[in-house]
Amino acid sequence: MILTTALDLIAMPDLHAQVFNPTPETPPVADKLLRLVRYFTWFVLLAGTLAIIYAGGKFAWEKWQGGPLESPKRIAGALVGGIVATSAGTIMNAAIGAV
């Protein structure tokens, strides 16, 4: 019974006509949202750059003082955060494209 129904569905020529392909359309406030995303991207890149500069200065200070070195972890964290932030668009395209 299931096999017969499946074969009937495959044989229906107008089944493809019932499924439509919608055309994408931009939302009404897309330009303002994209502007906000561009501002946020700029802020994240600026914050990452400042974090690397701060951690580099702190690393030099710790090296000069002879204390324990904690700044290499901060530099590595800032670099990893920067990599994730700059590749966020690619990651989201891969995640959404796979669905």
PDB file of N, CA and C in Angstrom:
ATOM      1  N   MET A   1       0.824  -1.188   0.000  1.00  0.00           N
ATOM      2  CA  MET A   1       0.000   0.000   0.000  1.00  0.00           C
ATOM      3  C   MET A   1       0.876   1.263   0.000  1.00  0.00           C
ATOM      4  N   ILE A   2       1.924   1.261   0.836  1.00  0.00           N
ATOM      5  CA  ILE A   2       2.816   2.422   0.888  1.00  0.00           C
ATOM      6  C   ILE A   2       3.598   2.532  -0.413  1.00  0.00           C
ATOM      7  N   LEU A   3       4.034   1.407  -0.922  1.00  0.00           N
ATOM      8  CA  LEU A   3       4.784   1.414  -2.172  1.00  0.00           C
ATOM      9  C   LEU A   3       3.928   1.901  -3.337  1.00  0.00           C
ATOM     10  N   THR A   4       2.673   1.494  -3.369  1.00  0.00           N
ATOM     11  CA  THR A   4       1.760   1.941  -4.422  1.00  0.00           C
ATOM     12  C   THR A   4       1.532   3.447  -4.346  1.00  0.00           C
ATOM     13  N   THR A   5       1.362   3.979  -3.128  1.00  0.00           N
ATOM     14  CA  THR A   5       1.169   5.418  -2.948  1.00  0.00           C
ATOM     15  C   THR A   5       2.415   6.188  -3.369  1.00  0.00           C
ATOM     16  N   ALA A   6       3.587   5.667  -3.020  1.00  0.00           N
ATOM     17  CA  ALA A   6       4.826   6.335  -3.397  1.00  0.00           C
ATOM     18  C   ALA A   6       4.993   6.354  -4.913  1.00  0.00           C
ATOM     19  N   LEU A   7       4.679   5.258  -5.569  1.00  0.00           N
ATOM     20  CA  LEU A   7       4.782   5.221  -7.028  1.00  0.00           C
ATOM     21  C   LEU A   7       3.766   6.159  -7.681  1.00  0.00           C
ATOM     22  N   ASP A   8       2.585   6.283  -7.099  1.00  0.00           N
ATOM     23  CA  ASP A   8       1.592   7.216  -7.635  1.00  0.00           C
ATOM     24  C   ASP A   8       2.068   8.661  -7.505  1.00  0.00           C
ATOM     25  N   LEU A   9       2.720   8.983  -6.383  1.00  0.00           N
ATOM     26  CA  LEU A   9       3.226  10.351  -6.189  1.00  0.00           C
ATOM     27  C   LEU A   9       4.361  10.660  -7.162  1.00  0.00           C
ATOM     28  N   ILE A  10       5.208   9.681  -7.412  1.00  0.00           N
ATOM     29  CA  ILE A  10       6.308   9.890  -8.356  1.00  0.00           C
ATOM     30  C   ILE A  10       5.783  10.072  -9.774  1.00  0.00           C
ATOM     31  N   ALA A  11       4.748   9.336 -10.114  1.00  0.00           N
ATOM     32  CA  ALA A  11       4.209   9.376 -11.473  1.00  0.00           C
ATOM     33  C   ALA A  11       3.373  10.620 -11.746  1.00  0.00           C
ATOM     34  N   MET A  12       2.996  11.388 -10.719  1.00  0.00           N
ATOM     35  CA  MET A  12       2.155  12.575 -10.940  1.00  0.00           C
ATOM     36  C   MET A  12       2.965  13.666 -11.619  1.00  0.00           C
ATOM     37  N   PRO A  13       2.621  14.063 -12.833  1.00  0.00           N
ATOM     38  CA  PRO A  13       3.399  15.081 -13.540  1.00  0.00           C
ATOM     39  C   PRO A  13       3.180  16.490 -13.001  1.00  0.00           C
ATOM     40  N   ASP A  14       2.020  16.781 -12.429  1.00  0.00           N
ATOM     41  CA  ASP A  14       1.743  18.144 -11.971  1.00  0.00           C
ATOM     42  C   ASP A  14       2.125  18.361 -10.516  1.00  0.00           C
ATOM     43  N   LEU A  15       2.822  17.416  -9.890  1.00  0.00           N
ATOM     44  CA  LEU A  15       3.275  17.594  -8.511  1.00  0.00           C
ATOM     45  C   LEU A  15       4.316  18.701  -8.437  1.00  0.00           C
ATOM     46  N   HIS A  16       5.184  18.779  -9.429  1.00  0.00           N
ATOM     47  CA  HIS A  16       6.197  19.830  -9.453  1.00  0.00           C
ATOM     48  C   HIS A  16       5.573  21.201  -9.682  1.00  0.00           C
ATOM     49  N   ALA A  17       4.460  21.262 -10.336  1.00  0.00           N
ATOM     50  CA  ALA A  17       3.788  22.533 -10.576  1.00  0.00           C
ATOM     51  C   ALA A  17       3.173  23.079  -9.284  1.00  0.00           C
ATOM     52  N   GLN A  18       2.864  22.210  -8.344  1.00  0.00           N
ATOM     53  CA  GLN A  18       2.271  22.661  -7.090  1.00  0.00           C
ATOM     54  C   GLN A  18       3.312  23.262  -6.149  1.00  0.00           C
ATOM     55  N   VAL A  19       4.554  22.858  -6.268  1.00  0.00           N
ATOM     56  CA  VAL A  19       5.630  23.397  -5.442  1.00  0.00           C
ATOM     57  C   VAL A  19       6.186  24.620  -6.158  1.00  0.00           C
ATOM     58  N   PHE A  20       6.184  25.769  -5.481  1.00  0.00           N
ATOM     59  CA  PHE A  20       6.649  26.988  -6.131  1.00  0.00           C
ATOM     60  C   PHE A  20       8.002  27.395  -5.551  1.00  0.00           C
ATOM     61  N   ASN A  21       8.708  28.186  -6.292  1.00  0.00           N
ATOM     62  CA  ASN A  21      10.011  28.674  -5.889  1.00  0.00           C
ATOM     63  C   ASN A  21       9.888  30.173  -5.621  1.00  0.00           C
ATOM     64  N   PRO A  22       9.808  30.590  -4.342  1.00  0.00           N
ATOM     65  CA  PRO A  22       9.638  32.015  -4.060  1.00  0.00           C
ATOM     66  C   PRO A  22      10.922  32.793  -4.357  1.00  0.00           C
ATOM     67  N   THR A  23      10.754  34.017  -4.814  1.00  0.00           N
ATOM     68  CA  THR A  23      11.903  34.873  -5.063  1.00  0.00           C
ATOM     69  C   THR A  23      12.243  35.626  -3.779  1.00  0.00           C
ATOM     70  N   PRO A  24      13.529  35.756  -3.456  1.00  0.00           N
ATOM     71  CA  PRO A  24      13.909  36.469  -2.228  1.00  0.00           C
ATOM     72  C   PRO A  24      13.584  37.952  -2.329  1.00  0.00           C
ATOM     73  N   GLU A  25      13.226  38.523  -1.218  1.00  0.00           N
ATOM     74  CA  GLU A  25      12.846  39.931  -1.165  1.00  0.00           C
ATOM     75  C   GLU A  25      13.460  40.550   0.085  1.00  0.00           C
ATOM     76  N   THR A  26      14.008  41.740  -0.045  1.00  0.00           N
ATOM     77  CA  THR A  26      14.627  42.382   1.113  1.00  0.00           C
ATOM     78  C   THR A  26      13.555  42.898   2.065  1.00  0.00           C
ATOM     79  N   PRO A  27      13.813  42.803   3.366  1.00  0.00           N
ATOM     80  CA  PRO A  27      12.860  43.331   4.344  1.00  0.00           C
ATOM     81  C   PRO A  27      12.784  44.852   4.264  1.00  0.00           C
ATOM     82  N   PRO A  28      11.744  45.453   4.811  1.00  0.00           N
ATOM     83  CA  PRO A  28      11.587  46.908   4.702  1.00  0.00           C
ATOM     84  C   PRO A  28      12.708  47.715   5.355  1.00  0.00           C
ATOM     85  N   VAL A  29      13.282  47.248   6.461  1.00  0.00           N
ATOM     86  CA  VAL A  29      14.313  48.011   7.165  1.00  0.00           C
ATOM     87  C   VAL A  29      15.692  47.383   6.991  1.00  0.00           C
ATOM     88  N   ALA A  30      15.918  46.700   5.881  1.00  0.00           N
ATOM     89  CA  ALA A  30      17.180  45.991   5.668  1.00  0.00           C
ATOM     90  C   ALA A  30      18.365  46.952   5.609  1.00  0.00           C
ATOM     91  N   ASP A  31      18.195  48.128   5.025  1.00  0.00           N
ATOM     92  CA  ASP A  31      19.313  49.063   4.910  1.00  0.00           C
ATOM     93  C   ASP A  31      19.764  49.552   6.285  1.00  0.00           C
ATOM     94  N   LYS A  32      18.839  49.814   7.185  1.00  0.00           N
ATOM     95  CA  LYS A  32      19.210  50.251   8.536  1.00  0.00           C
ATOM     96  C   LYS A  32      19.851  49.110   9.324  1.00  0.00           C
ATOM     97  N   LEU A  33      19.358  47.902   9.129  1.00  0.00           N
ATOM     98  CA  LEU A  33      19.931  46.749   9.813  1.00  0.00           C
ATOM     99  C   LEU A  33      21.341  46.473   9.309  1.00  0.00           C
ATOM    100  N   LEU A  34      21.569  46.571   8.014  1.00  0.00           N
ATOM    101  CA  LEU A  34      22.905  46.367   7.461  1.00  0.00           C
ATOM    102  C   LEU A  34      23.873  47.445   7.929  1.00  0.00           C
ATOM    103  N   ARG A  35      23.397  48.671   8.076  1.00  0.00           N
ATOM    104  CA  ARG A  35      24.237  49.745   8.606  1.00  0.00           C
ATOM    105  C   ARG A  35      24.649  49.430  10.040  1.00  0.00           C
ATOM    106  N   LEU A  36      23.712  48.925  10.838  1.00  0.00           N
ATOM    107  CA  LEU A  36      24.009  48.545  12.211  1.00  0.00           C
ATOM    108  C   LEU A  36      25.025  47.399  12.248  1.00  0.00           C
ATOM    109  N   VAL A  37      24.905  46.446  11.356  1.00  0.00           N
ATOM    110  CA  VAL A  37      25.856  45.328  11.292  1.00  0.00           C
ATOM    111  C   VAL A  37      27.236  45.835  10.905  1.00  0.00           C
ATOM    112  N   ARG A  38      27.303  46.777   9.957  1.00  0.00           N
ATOM    113  CA  ARG A  38      28.603  47.340   9.569  1.00  0.00           C
ATOM    114  C   ARG A  38      29.236  48.101  10.719  1.00  0.00           C
ATOM    115  N   TYR A  39      28.446  48.866  11.492  1.00  0.00           N
ATOM    116  CA  TYR A  39      28.973  49.565  12.670  1.00  0.00           C
ATOM    117  C   TYR A  39      29.479  48.572  13.704  1.00  0.00           C
ATOM    118  N   PHE A  40      28.721  47.509  13.935  1.00  0.00           N
ATOM    119  CA  PHE A  40      29.127  46.506  14.910  1.00  0.00           C
ATOM    120  C   PHE A  40      30.403  45.804  14.469  1.00  0.00           C
ATOM    121  N   THR A  41      30.528  45.511  13.184  1.00  0.00           N
ATOM    122  CA  THR A  41      31.742  44.882  12.657  1.00  0.00           C
ATOM    123  C   THR A  41      32.938  45.794  12.859  1.00  0.00           C
ATOM    124  N   TRP A  42      32.768  47.074  12.583  1.00  0.00           N
ATOM    125  CA  TRP A  42      33.844  48.041  12.779  1.00  0.00           C
ATOM    126  C   TRP A  42      34.250  48.097  14.251  1.00  0.00           C
ATOM    127  N   PHE A  43      33.279  48.103  15.147  1.00  0.00           N
ATOM    128  CA  PHE A  43      33.570  48.156  16.580  1.00  0.00           C
ATOM    129  C   PHE A  43      34.309  46.897  17.038  1.00  0.00           C
ATOM    130  N   VAL A  44      33.899  45.736  16.559  1.00  0.00           N
ATOM    131  CA  VAL A  44      34.557  44.484  16.951  1.00  0.00           C
ATOM    132  C   VAL A  44      36.001  44.468  16.463  1.00  0.00           C
ATOM    133  N   LEU A  45      36.244  44.896  15.234  1.00  0.00           N
ATOM    134  CA  LEU A  45      37.614  44.936  14.718  1.00  0.00           C
ATOM    135  C   LEU A  45      38.467  45.946  15.483  1.00  0.00           C
ATOM    136  N   LEU A  46      37.899  47.086  15.838  1.00  0.00           N
ATOM    137  CA  LEU A  46      38.622  48.076  16.626  1.00  0.00           C
ATOM    138  C   LEU A  46      38.942  47.530  18.019  1.00  0.00           C
ATOM    139  N   ALA A  47      37.974  46.888  18.651  1.00  0.00           N
ATOM    140  CA  ALA A  47      38.190  46.323  19.981  1.00  0.00           C
ATOM    141  C   ALA A  47      39.257  45.228  19.936  1.00  0.00           C
ATOM    142  N   GLY A  48      39.250  44.409  18.899  1.00  0.00           N
ATOM    143  CA  GLY A  48      40.268  43.367  18.769  1.00  0.00           C
ATOM    144  C   GLY A  48      41.660  43.944  18.584  1.00  0.00           C
ATOM    145  N   THR A  49      41.764  44.978  17.774  1.00  0.00           N
ATOM    146  CA  THR A  49      43.051  45.629  17.561  1.00  0.00           C
ATOM    147  C   THR A  49      43.567  46.245  18.847  1.00  0.00           C
ATOM    148  N   LEU A  50      42.679  46.927  19.573  1.00  0.00           N
ATOM    149  CA  LEU A  50      43.081  47.524  20.846  1.00  0.00           C
ATOM    150  C   LEU A  50      43.458  46.459  21.868  1.00  0.00           C
ATOM    151  N   ALA A  51      42.773  45.332  21.865  1.00  0.00           N
ATOM    152  CA  ALA A  51      43.108  44.250  22.797  1.00  0.00           C
ATOM    153  C   ALA A  51      44.490  43.686  22.506  1.00  0.00           C
ATOM    154  N   ILE A  52      44.830  43.530  21.232  1.00  0.00           N
ATOM    155  CA  ILE A  52      46.158  43.023  20.883  1.00  0.00           C
ATOM    156  C   ILE A  52      47.237  44.035  21.270  1.00  0.00           C
ATOM    157  N   ILE A  53      46.987  45.319  21.046  1.00  0.00           N
ATOM    158  CA  ILE A  53      47.957  46.345  21.423  1.00  0.00           C
ATOM    159  C   ILE A  53      48.145  46.377  22.935  1.00  0.00           C
ATOM    160  N   TYR A  54      47.038  46.328  23.686  1.00  0.00           N
ATOM    161  CA  TYR A  54      47.117  46.339  25.150  1.00  0.00           C
ATOM    162  C   TYR A  54      47.863  45.111  25.667  1.00  0.00           C
ATOM    163  N   ALA A  55      47.520  43.943  25.133  1.00  0.00           N
ATOM    164  CA  ALA A  55      48.167  42.718  25.590  1.00  0.00           C
ATOM    165  C   ALA A  55      49.660  42.714  25.230  1.00  0.00           C
ATOM    166  N   GLY A  56      50.005  43.272  24.090  1.00  0.00           N
ATOM    167  CA  GLY A  56      51.418  43.369  23.717  1.00  0.00           C
ATOM    168  C   GLY A  56      52.184  44.282  24.660  1.00  0.00           C
ATOM    169  N   GLY A  57      51.587  45.411  25.012  1.00  0.00           N
ATOM    170  CA  GLY A  57      52.224  46.305  25.979  1.00  0.00           C
ATOM    171  C   GLY A  57      52.351  45.669  27.353  1.00  0.00           C
ATOM    172  N   LYS A  58      51.315  44.976  27.773  1.00  0.00           N
ATOM    173  CA  LYS A  58      51.356  44.292  29.062  1.00  0.00           C
ATOM    174  C   LYS A  58      52.384  43.167  29.046  1.00  0.00           C
ATOM    175  N   PHE A  59      52.506  42.481  27.910  1.00  0.00           N
ATOM    176  CA  PHE A  59      53.507  41.437  27.765  1.00  0.00           C
ATOM    177  C   PHE A  59      54.913  42.021  27.928  1.00  0.00           C
ATOM    178  N   ALA A  60      55.170  43.158  27.293  1.00  0.00           N
ATOM    179  CA  ALA A  60      56.479  43.806  27.419  1.00  0.00           C
ATOM    180  C   ALA A  60      56.719  44.240  28.866  1.00  0.00           C
ATOM    181  N   TRP A  61      55.710  44.769  29.503  1.00  0.00           N
ATOM    182  CA  TRP A  61      55.846  45.201  30.902  1.00  0.00           C
ATOM    183  C   TRP A  61      56.141  44.006  31.825  1.00  0.00           C
ATOM    184  N   GLU A  62      55.421  42.910  31.640  1.00  0.00           N
ATOM    185  CA  GLU A  62      55.660  41.724  32.459  1.00  0.00           C
ATOM    186  C   GLU A  62      57.055  41.154  32.213  1.00  0.00           C
ATOM    187  N   LYS A  63      57.507  41.186  30.978  1.00  0.00           N
ATOM    188  CA  LYS A  63      58.839  40.691  30.645  1.00  0.00           C
ATOM    189  C   LYS A  63      59.910  41.581  31.286  1.00  0.00           C
ATOM    190  N   TRP A  64      59.695  42.881  31.275  1.00  0.00           N
ATOM    191  CA  TRP A  64      60.657  43.825  31.836  1.00  0.00           C
ATOM    192  C   TRP A  64      60.698  43.717  33.362  1.00  0.00           C
ATOM    193  N   GLN A  65      59.543  43.517  34.004  1.00  0.00           N
ATOM    194  CA  GLN A  65      59.465  43.397  35.451  1.00  0.00           C
ATOM    195  C   GLN A  65      59.947  42.038  35.951  1.00  0.00           C
ATOM    196  N   GLY A  66      59.920  41.031  35.113  1.00  0.00           N
ATOM    197  CA  GLY A  66      60.373  39.713  35.508  1.00  0.00           C
ATOM    198  C   GLY A  66      59.310  38.901  36.227  1.00  0.00           C
ATOM    199  N   GLY A  67      58.061  39.322  36.178  1.00  0.00           N
ATOM    200  CA  GLY A  67      56.981  38.600  36.837  1.00  0.00           C
ATOM    201  C   GLY A  67      56.459  37.459  35.976  1.00  0.00           C
ATOM    202  N   PRO A  68      55.390  36.829  36.464  1.00  0.00           N
ATOM    203  CA  PRO A  68      54.802  35.731  35.675  1.00  0.00           C
ATOM    204  C   PRO A  68      54.165  36.265  34.388  1.00  0.00           C
ATOM    205  N   LEU A  69      54.309  35.517  33.319  1.00  0.00           N
ATOM    206  CA  LEU A  69      53.792  35.948  32.021  1.00  0.00           C
ATOM    207  C   LEU A  69      52.364  35.436  31.839  1.00  0.00           C
ATOM    208  N   GLU A  70      51.410  36.349  31.878  1.00  0.00           N
ATOM    209  CA  GLU A  70      50.010  36.009  31.630  1.00  0.00           C
ATOM    210  C   GLU A  70      49.507  36.590  30.314  1.00  0.00           C
ATOM    211  N   SER A  71      50.239  37.516  29.752  1.00  0.00           N
ATOM    212  CA  SER A  71      49.793  38.203  28.549  1.00  0.00           C
ATOM    213  C   SER A  71      49.778  37.347  27.291  1.00  0.00           C
ATOM    214  N   PRO A  72      50.655  36.350  27.132  1.00  0.00           N
ATOM    215  CA  PRO A  72      50.541  35.539  25.914  1.00  0.00           C
ATOM    216  C   PRO A  72      49.163  34.889  25.763  1.00  0.00           C
ATOM    217  N   LYS A  73      48.521  34.549  26.874  1.00  0.00           N
ATOM    218  CA  LYS A  73      47.161  33.996  26.796  1.00  0.00           C
ATOM    219  C   LYS A  73      46.180  35.047  26.289  1.00  0.00           C
ATOM    220  N   ARG A  74      46.382  36.289  26.721  1.00  0.00           N
ATOM    221  CA  ARG A  74      45.500  37.371  26.255  1.00  0.00           C
ATOM    222  C   ARG A  74      45.699  37.641  24.773  1.00  0.00           C
ATOM    223  N   ILE A  75      46.948  37.603  24.333  1.00  0.00           N
ATOM    224  CA  ILE A  75      47.229  37.822  22.908  1.00  0.00           C
ATOM    225  C   ILE A  75      46.603  36.706  22.085  1.00  0.00           C
ATOM    226  N   ALA A  76      46.766  35.469  22.527  1.00  0.00           N
ATOM    227  CA  ALA A  76      46.173  34.338  21.801  1.00  0.00           C
ATOM    228  C   ALA A  76      44.652  34.440  21.796  1.00  0.00           C
ATOM    229  N   GLY A  77      44.060  34.835  22.917  1.00  0.00           N
ATOM    230  CA  GLY A  77      42.604  34.998  22.978  1.00  0.00           C
ATOM    231  C   GLY A  77      42.113  36.088  22.047  1.00  0.00           C
ATOM    232  N   ALA A  78      42.839  37.200  21.992  1.00  0.00           N
ATOM    233  CA  ALA A  78      42.454  38.288  21.091  1.00  0.00           C
ATOM    234  C   ALA A  78      42.579  37.862  19.628  1.00  0.00           C
ATOM    235  N   LEU A  79      43.630  37.107  19.314  1.00  0.00           N
ATOM    236  CA  LEU A  79      43.803  36.641  17.933  1.00  0.00           C
ATOM    237  C   LEU A  79      42.713  35.647  17.538  1.00  0.00           C
ATOM    238  N   VAL A  80      42.388  34.716  18.437  1.00  0.00           N
ATOM    239  CA  VAL A  80      41.325  33.751  18.133  1.00  0.00           C
ATOM    240  C   VAL A  80      39.983  34.471  18.002  1.00  0.00           C
ATOM    241  N   GLY A  81      39.727  35.424  18.894  1.00  0.00           N
ATOM    242  CA  GLY A  81      38.492  36.207  18.800  1.00  0.00           C
ATOM    243  C   GLY A  81      38.406  36.989  17.504  1.00  0.00           C
ATOM    244  N   GLY A  82      39.530  37.541  17.066  1.00  0.00           N
ATOM    245  CA  GLY A  82      39.556  38.258  15.795  1.00  0.00           C
ATOM    246  C   GLY A  82      39.304  37.357  14.609  1.00  0.00           C
ATOM    247  N   ILE A  83      39.857  36.151  14.660  1.00  0.00           N
ATOM    248  CA  ILE A  83      39.629  35.200  13.569  1.00  0.00           C
ATOM    249  C   ILE A  83      38.164  34.810  13.496  1.00  0.00           C
ATOM    250  N   VAL A  84      37.565  34.541  14.650  1.00  0.00           N
ATOM    251  CA  VAL A  84      36.147  34.174  14.671  1.00  0.00           C
ATOM    252  C   VAL A  84      35.281  35.350  14.219  1.00  0.00           C
ATOM    253  N   ALA A  85      35.623  36.560  14.670  1.00  0.00           N
ATOM    254  CA  ALA A  85      34.824  37.731  14.310  1.00  0.00           C
ATOM    255  C   ALA A  85      34.889  38.028  12.815  1.00  0.00           C
ATOM    256  N   THR A  86      36.078  37.911  12.221  1.00  0.00           N
ATOM    257  CA  THR A  86      36.184  38.236  10.803  1.00  0.00           C
ATOM    258  C   THR A  86      35.649  37.139   9.902  1.00  0.00           C
ATOM    259  N   SER A  87      35.565  35.910  10.412  1.00  0.00           N
ATOM    260  CA  SER A  87      35.024  34.836   9.595  1.00  0.00           C
ATOM    261  C   SER A  87      33.586  34.491   9.963  1.00  0.00           C
ATOM    262  N   ALA A  88      32.925  35.345  10.737  1.00  0.00           N
ATOM    263  CA  ALA A  88      31.547  35.066  11.162  1.00  0.00           C
ATOM    264  C   ALA A  88      30.601  34.960   9.962  1.00  0.00           C
ATOM    265  N   GLY A  89      30.771  35.816   8.981  1.00  0.00           N
ATOM    266  CA  GLY A  89      29.919  35.756   7.792  1.00  0.00           C
ATOM    267  C   GLY A  89      30.075  34.454   7.041  1.00  0.00           C
ATOM    268  N   THR A  90      31.311  34.001   6.899  1.00  0.00           N
ATOM    269  CA  THR A  90      31.559  32.748   6.212  1.00  0.00           C
ATOM    270  C   THR A  90      30.990  31.567   7.000  1.00  0.00           C
ATOM    271  N   ILE A  91      31.153  31.619   8.333  1.00  0.00           N
ATOM    272  CA  ILE A  91      30.613  30.553   9.181  1.00  0.00           C
ATOM    273  C   ILE A  91      29.098  30.504   9.066  1.00  0.00           C
ATOM    274  N   MET A  92      28.442  31.654   9.106  1.00  0.00           N
ATOM    275  CA  MET A  92      26.979  31.675   9.014  1.00  0.00           C
ATOM    276  C   MET A  92      26.508  31.229   7.635  1.00  0.00           C
ATOM    277  N   ASN A  93      27.200  31.613   6.588  1.00  0.00           N
ATOM    278  CA  ASN A  93      26.816  31.141   5.243  1.00  0.00           C
ATOM    279  C   ASN A  93      26.950  29.634   5.139  1.00  0.00           C
ATOM    280  N   ALA A  94      27.975  29.068   5.751  1.00  0.00           N
ATOM    281  CA  ALA A  94      28.137  27.610   5.726  1.00  0.00           C
ATOM    282  C   ALA A  94      27.043  26.932   6.549  1.00  0.00           C
ATOM    283  N   ALA A  95      26.697  27.522   7.689  1.00  0.00           N
ATOM    284  CA  ALA A  95      25.672  26.917   8.549  1.00  0.00           C
ATOM    285  C   ALA A  95      24.292  27.034   7.930  1.00  0.00           C
ATOM    286  N   ILE A  96      23.967  28.194   7.386  1.00  0.00           N
ATOM    287  CA  ILE A  96      22.634  28.395   6.793  1.00  0.00           C
ATOM    288  C   ILE A  96      22.541  27.679   5.449  1.00  0.00           C
ATOM    289  N   GLY A  97      23.631  27.647   4.703  1.00  0.00           N
ATOM    290  CA  GLY A  97      23.615  26.978   3.407  1.00  0.00           C
ATOM    291  C   GLY A  97      23.462  25.472   3.527  1.00  0.00           C
ATOM    292  N   ALA A  98      23.877  24.917   4.675  1.00  0.00           N
ATOM    293  CA  ALA A  98      23.775  23.472   4.876  1.00  0.00           C
ATOM    294  C   ALA A  98      22.371  23.033   5.225  1.00  0.00           C
ATOM    295  N   VAL A  99      21.534  23.970   5.649  1.00  0.00           N
ATOM    296  CA  VAL A  99      20.177  23.609   6.076  1.00  0.00           C
ATOM    297  C   VAL A  99      19.299  23.302   4.915  1.00  0.00           C
TER     298      VAL A  99
END
